[in-house]
């Protein structure tokens, strides 16, 4: 049932009135949470940003769900990147020493190679991912949305009890004026 609920929310998001960049940056911020270890304190800051700034919170949740498996798969890459930044680059040793000797920085867990590597990678990918998702939403809305709404499958599916149940449960009906 979770997969079905998730799919309905994703479709509702694609057909919403939110701008593509709102969806893109919401997805990208959710991806930052998903790509980094869950217990990291910076995730609270990212979640706060997701709630405060004018981005799609639903897209953020979608980004968290879709990108979490990728975060686990890339832990080895993130570990190597963190090791490179924390240990292998001798020019950064003085910076890290001063950084970790400041108050409250110890609680950030940035001395962990996986946490640092995943945070750096997710922040580097933040803007490109937001642009890519916004481009995909624009592309879907301009070329695929009308085709899907006119398709025989969609018309058949919209008459099924499942669709009617979903429309009542989630308060959406697609087609018509769009």
C-alpha atoms as a PDB file:
ATOM      1  CA  UNK A   1       0.000   0.000   0.000  1.00  0.00           C
ATOM      2  CA  UNK A   2       2.967   2.295   0.669  1.00  0.00           C
ATOM      3  CA  UNK A   3       4.112   2.099  -2.958  1.00  0.00           C
ATOM      4  CA  UNK A   4       0.646   2.952  -4.197  1.00  0.00           C
ATOM      5  CA  UNK A   5       0.341   5.848  -1.773  1.00  0.00           C
ATOM      6  CA  UNK A   6       3.766   7.068  -2.840  1.00  0.00           C
ATOM      7  CA  UNK A   7       2.877   6.870  -6.548  1.00  0.00           C
ATOM      8  CA  UNK A   8      -0.348   8.813  -6.031  1.00  0.00           C
ATOM      9  CA  UNK A   9       1.510  11.565  -4.175  1.00  0.00           C
ATOM     10  CA  UNK A  10       4.160  11.753  -6.917  1.00  0.00           C
ATOM     11  CA  UNK A  11       1.476  12.113  -9.598  1.00  0.00           C
ATOM     12  CA  UNK A  12      -0.300  14.743  -7.541  1.00  0.00           C
ATOM     13  CA  UNK A  13       2.981  16.646  -7.230  1.00  0.00           C
ATOM     14  CA  UNK A  14       3.577  16.554 -10.995  1.00  0.00           C
ATOM     15  CA  UNK A  15       0.107  17.926 -11.645  1.00  0.00           C
ATOM     16  CA  UNK A  16       0.227  20.546  -8.892  1.00  0.00           C
ATOM     17  CA  UNK A  17       0.384  24.296  -9.375  1.00  0.00           C
ATOM     18  CA  UNK A  18       3.851  24.512  -7.859  1.00  0.00           C
ATOM     19  CA  UNK A  19       6.586  25.942 -10.036  1.00  0.00           C
ATOM     20  CA  UNK A  20       9.205  23.504 -11.353  1.00  0.00           C
ATOM     21  CA  UNK A  21      12.042  25.190  -9.445  1.00  0.00           C
ATOM     22  CA  UNK A  22      10.101  24.859  -6.185  1.00  0.00           C
ATOM     23  CA  UNK A  23       9.749  21.160  -6.881  1.00  0.00           C
ATOM     24  CA  UNK A  24      13.389  20.892  -7.978  1.00  0.00           C
ATOM     25  CA  UNK A  25      14.875  22.558  -4.914  1.00  0.00           C
ATOM     26  CA  UNK A  26      12.514  20.670  -2.608  1.00  0.00           C
ATOM     27  CA  UNK A  27      13.669  17.396  -4.162  1.00  0.00           C
ATOM     28  CA  UNK A  28      17.320  18.471  -3.929  1.00  0.00           C
ATOM     29  CA  UNK A  29      17.033  19.405  -0.235  1.00  0.00           C
ATOM     30  CA  UNK A  30      15.344  16.086   0.473  1.00  0.00           C
ATOM     31  CA  UNK A  31      18.205  14.414  -1.352  1.00  0.00           C
ATOM     32  CA  UNK A  32      20.737  16.059   0.960  1.00  0.00           C
ATOM     33  CA  UNK A  33      18.946  14.427   3.907  1.00  0.00           C
ATOM     34  CA  UNK A  34      18.779  11.085   2.108  1.00  0.00           C
ATOM     35  CA  UNK A  35      22.386  10.981   0.942  1.00  0.00           C
ATOM     36  CA  UNK A  36      23.878  11.790   4.340  1.00  0.00           C
ATOM     37  CA  UNK A  37      23.638   9.531   7.417  1.00  0.00           C
ATOM     38  CA  UNK A  38      20.269  10.009   9.096  1.00  0.00           C
ATOM     39  CA  UNK A  39      21.552  10.816  12.586  1.00  0.00           C
ATOM     40  CA  UNK A  40      23.646  13.755  11.405  1.00  0.00           C
ATOM     41  CA  UNK A  41      22.764  17.067  13.084  1.00  0.00           C
ATOM     42  CA  UNK A  42      22.959  19.020   9.820  1.00  0.00           C
ATOM     43  CA  UNK A  43      19.879  17.096   8.638  1.00  0.00           C
ATOM     44  CA  UNK A  44      17.814  19.053  11.170  1.00  0.00           C
ATOM     45  CA  UNK A  45      19.042  22.272   9.576  1.00  0.00           C
ATOM     46  CA  UNK A  46      18.179  21.000   6.090  1.00  0.00           C
ATOM     47  CA  UNK A  47      14.733  19.893   7.297  1.00  0.00           C
ATOM     48  CA  UNK A  48      14.219  23.336   8.819  1.00  0.00           C
ATOM     49  CA  UNK A  49      15.178  24.936   5.493  1.00  0.00           C
ATOM     50  CA  UNK A  50      12.751  22.621   3.726  1.00  0.00           C
ATOM     51  CA  UNK A  51       9.992  23.853   6.025  1.00  0.00           C
ATOM     52  CA  UNK A  52      10.872  27.560   5.999  1.00  0.00           C
ATOM     53  CA  UNK A  53      11.842  28.472   2.433  1.00  0.00           C
ATOM     54  CA  UNK A  54       9.373  28.465  -0.429  1.00  0.00           C
ATOM     55  CA  UNK A  55      10.049  24.999  -1.853  1.00  0.00           C
ATOM     56  CA  UNK A  56       7.869  21.932  -2.239  1.00  0.00           C
ATOM     57  CA  UNK A  57       7.839  19.934   0.979  1.00  0.00           C
ATOM     58  CA  UNK A  58       6.230  17.010  -0.868  1.00  0.00           C
ATOM     59  CA  UNK A  59       9.099  17.003  -3.344  1.00  0.00           C
ATOM     60  CA  UNK A  60      11.487  16.990  -0.395  1.00  0.00           C
ATOM     61  CA  UNK A  61       9.830  13.886   0.980  1.00  0.00           C
ATOM     62  CA  UNK A  62       9.958  12.352  -2.492  1.00  0.00           C
ATOM     63  CA  UNK A  63      13.675  13.152  -2.687  1.00  0.00           C
ATOM     64  CA  UNK A  64      14.266  11.546   0.703  1.00  0.00           C
ATOM     65  CA  UNK A  65      12.501   8.334  -0.293  1.00  0.00           C
ATOM     66  CA  UNK A  66      13.977   8.012  -3.772  1.00  0.00           C
ATOM     67  CA  UNK A  67      17.552   8.966  -2.931  1.00  0.00           C
ATOM     68  CA  UNK A  68      17.979   7.052   0.360  1.00  0.00           C
ATOM     69  CA  UNK A  69      18.881   3.736  -1.341  1.00  0.00           C
ATOM     70  CA  UNK A  70      21.431   5.585  -3.482  1.00  0.00           C
ATOM     71  CA  UNK A  71      22.962   7.049  -0.325  1.00  0.00           C
ATOM     72  CA  UNK A  72      23.528   3.574   1.088  1.00  0.00           C
ATOM     73  CA  UNK A  73      25.010   2.354  -2.188  1.00  0.00           C
ATOM     74  CA  UNK A  74      27.422   5.291  -2.358  1.00  0.00           C
ATOM     75  CA  UNK A  75      28.697   5.048   1.230  1.00  0.00           C
ATOM     76  CA  UNK A  76      32.033   3.667   0.022  1.00  0.00           C
ATOM     77  CA  UNK A  77      32.505   6.601  -2.368  1.00  0.00           C
ATOM     78  CA  UNK A  78      31.502   9.055   0.367  1.00  0.00           C
ATOM     79  CA  UNK A  79      33.935   7.394   2.770  1.00  0.00           C
ATOM     80  CA  UNK A  80      36.773   7.766   0.269  1.00  0.00           C
ATOM     81  CA  UNK A  81      35.895  11.443  -0.379  1.00  0.00           C
ATOM     82  CA  UNK A  82      35.766  12.139   3.362  1.00  0.00           C
ATOM     83  CA  UNK A  83      39.075  10.349   3.864  1.00  0.00           C
ATOM     84  CA  UNK A  84      40.605  12.430   1.100  1.00  0.00           C
ATOM     85  CA  UNK A  85      39.388  15.667   2.698  1.00  0.00           C
ATOM     86  CA  UNK A  86      40.137  14.782   6.320  1.00  0.00           C
ATOM     87  CA  UNK A  87      43.301  12.703   6.112  1.00  0.00           C
ATOM     88  CA  UNK A  88      44.995  12.588   2.716  1.00  0.00           C
ATOM     89  CA  UNK A  89      45.146  16.297   1.871  1.00  0.00           C
ATOM     90  CA  UNK A  90      47.937  17.573   4.112  1.00  0.00           C
ATOM     91  CA  UNK A  91      47.189  21.197   3.244  1.00  0.00           C
ATOM     92  CA  UNK A  92      43.857  20.987   5.085  1.00  0.00           C
ATOM     93  CA  UNK A  93      45.275  19.640   8.372  1.00  0.00           C
ATOM     94  CA  UNK A  94      45.628  23.082   9.981  1.00  0.00           C
ATOM     95  CA  UNK A  95      42.095  24.012   8.883  1.00  0.00           C
ATOM     96  CA  UNK A  96      40.570  20.827  10.322  1.00  0.00           C
ATOM     97  CA  UNK A  97      42.516  21.226  13.578  1.00  0.00           C
ATOM     98  CA  UNK A  98      41.242  24.766  14.053  1.00  0.00           C
ATOM     99  CA  UNK A  99      37.753  23.817  12.895  1.00  0.00           C
ATOM    100  CA  UNK A 100      37.353  20.892  15.275  1.00  0.00           C
ATOM    101  CA  UNK A 101      38.767  22.875  18.209  1.00  0.00           C
ATOM    102  CA  UNK A 102      35.937  25.410  18.028  1.00  0.00           C
ATOM    103  CA  UNK A 103      33.002  24.907  20.397  1.00  0.00           C
ATOM    104  CA  UNK A 104      30.001  22.862  19.232  1.00  0.00           C
ATOM    105  CA  UNK A 105      31.714  21.665  16.039  1.00  0.00           C
ATOM    106  CA  UNK A 106      32.362  18.321  17.694  1.00  0.00           C
ATOM    107  CA  UNK A 107      28.600  17.713  17.708  1.00  0.00           C
ATOM    108  CA  UNK A 108      28.372  18.044  13.909  1.00  0.00           C
ATOM    109  CA  UNK A 109      30.002  14.620  13.401  1.00  0.00           C
ATOM    110  CA  UNK A 110      31.997  16.076  10.488  1.00  0.00           C
ATOM    111  CA  UNK A 111      35.064  14.241  11.770  1.00  0.00           C
ATOM    112  CA  UNK A 112      33.435  11.069  10.397  1.00  0.00           C
ATOM    113  CA  UNK A 113      34.627  10.423   6.847  1.00  0.00           C
ATOM    114  CA  UNK A 114      31.244   9.162   5.607  1.00  0.00           C
ATOM    115  CA  UNK A 115      29.376  12.148   7.070  1.00  0.00           C
ATOM    116  CA  UNK A 116      31.812  14.695   5.639  1.00  0.00           C
ATOM    117  CA  UNK A 117      32.085  12.994   2.250  1.00  0.00           C
ATOM    118  CA  UNK A 118      28.333  12.580   1.832  1.00  0.00           C
ATOM    119  CA  UNK A 119      27.634  16.156   2.945  1.00  0.00           C
ATOM    120  CA  UNK A 120      30.195  17.612   0.537  1.00  0.00           C
ATOM    121  CA  UNK A 121      28.930  15.452  -2.343  1.00  0.00           C
ATOM    122  CA  UNK A 122      25.275  16.263  -1.669  1.00  0.00           C
ATOM    123  CA  UNK A 123      25.988  19.999  -1.432  1.00  0.00           C
ATOM    124  CA  UNK A 124      27.948  19.902  -4.694  1.00  0.00           C
ATOM    125  CA  UNK A 125      25.022  18.094  -6.347  1.00  0.00           C
ATOM    126  CA  UNK A 126      22.334  20.346  -4.802  1.00  0.00           C
ATOM    127  CA  UNK A 127      21.977  22.932  -7.575  1.00  0.00           C
ATOM    128  CA  UNK A 128      22.516  20.561 -10.540  1.00  0.00           C
ATOM    129  CA  UNK A 129      19.936  18.162  -9.103  1.00  0.00           C
ATOM    130  CA  UNK A 130      17.433  20.982  -8.569  1.00  0.00           C
ATOM    131  CA  UNK A 131      17.887  22.150 -12.169  1.00  0.00           C
ATOM    132  CA  UNK A 132      17.600  18.601 -13.511  1.00  0.00           C
ATOM    133  CA  UNK A 133      14.381  17.885 -11.606  1.00  0.00           C
ATOM    134  CA  UNK A 134      12.903  21.266 -12.608  1.00  0.00           C
ATOM    135  CA  UNK A 135      13.799  20.542 -16.241  1.00  0.00           C
ATOM    136  CA  UNK A 136      12.143  17.115 -16.020  1.00  0.00           C
ATOM    137  CA  UNK A 137       8.974  18.610 -14.503  1.00  0.00           C
ATOM    138  CA  UNK A 138       8.825  21.298 -17.204  1.00  0.00           C
ATOM    139  CA  UNK A 139       9.372  18.698 -19.891  1.00  0.00           C
ATOM    140  CA  UNK A 140       6.658  16.450 -18.468  1.00  0.00           C
ATOM    141  CA  UNK A 141       4.159  19.284 -18.176  1.00  0.00           C
ATOM    142  CA  UNK A 142       4.812  20.625 -21.668  1.00  0.00           C
ATOM    143  CA  UNK A 143       4.895  17.406 -23.655  1.00  0.00           C
ATOM    144  CA  UNK A 144       3.721  14.365 -21.706  1.00  0.00           C
ATOM    145  CA  UNK A 145       0.991  15.561 -19.366  1.00  0.00           C
ATOM    146  CA  UNK A 146      -1.606  16.267 -22.076  1.00  0.00           C
ATOM    147  CA  UNK A 147      -0.819  12.988 -23.852  1.00  0.00           C
ATOM    148  CA  UNK A 148      -1.223  10.975 -20.684  1.00  0.00           C
ATOM    149  CA  UNK A 149      -4.485  12.668 -19.753  1.00  0.00           C
ATOM    150  CA  UNK A 150      -5.870  11.912 -23.240  1.00  0.00           C
ATOM    151  CA  UNK A 151      -4.629   8.315 -23.391  1.00  0.00           C
ATOM    152  CA  UNK A 152      -7.036   5.405 -23.439  1.00  0.00           C
ATOM    153  CA  UNK A 153      -5.329   3.796 -20.481  1.00  0.00           C
ATOM    154  CA  UNK A 154      -5.757   6.918 -18.359  1.00  0.00           C
ATOM    155  CA  UNK A 155      -9.405   7.290 -19.349  1.00  0.00           C
ATOM    156  CA  UNK A 156     -10.003   3.622 -18.501  1.00  0.00           C
ATOM    157  CA  UNK A 157      -8.040   3.887 -15.255  1.00  0.00           C
ATOM    158  CA  UNK A 158      -9.895   7.034 -14.193  1.00  0.00           C
ATOM    159  CA  UNK A 159     -13.158   5.080 -14.291  1.00  0.00           C
ATOM    160  CA  UNK A 160     -11.935   2.291 -11.995  1.00  0.00           C
ATOM    161  CA  UNK A 161     -12.920   2.057  -8.359  1.00  0.00           C
ATOM    162  CA  UNK A 162      -9.281   2.362  -7.352  1.00  0.00           C
ATOM    163  CA  UNK A 163      -8.943   5.759  -9.010  1.00  0.00           C
ATOM    164  CA  UNK A 164     -12.224   6.985  -7.556  1.00  0.00           C
ATOM    165  CA  UNK A 165     -11.078   5.844  -4.118  1.00  0.00           C
ATOM    166  CA  UNK A 166      -7.735   7.650  -4.571  1.00  0.00           C
ATOM    167  CA  UNK A 167      -9.445  10.799  -5.790  1.00  0.00           C
ATOM    168  CA  UNK A 168     -11.678  10.859  -2.729  1.00  0.00           C
ATOM    169  CA  UNK A 169      -8.896   9.973  -0.318  1.00  0.00           C
ATOM    170  CA  UNK A 170      -6.365  12.449  -1.655  1.00  0.00           C
ATOM    171  CA  UNK A 171      -8.698  15.123  -2.977  1.00  0.00           C
ATOM    172  CA  UNK A 172      -7.577  15.247  -6.578  1.00  0.00           C
ATOM    173  CA  UNK A 173      -9.117  14.800  -9.980  1.00  0.00           C
ATOM    174  CA  UNK A 174      -7.030  15.298 -13.114  1.00  0.00           C
ATOM    175  CA  UNK A 175      -8.165  16.117 -16.572  1.00  0.00           C
ATOM    176  CA  UNK A 176     -10.563  18.646 -17.930  1.00  0.00           C
ATOM    177  CA  UNK A 177      -9.199  22.193 -17.661  1.00  0.00           C
ATOM    178  CA  UNK A 178      -5.475  21.409 -17.774  1.00  0.00           C
END
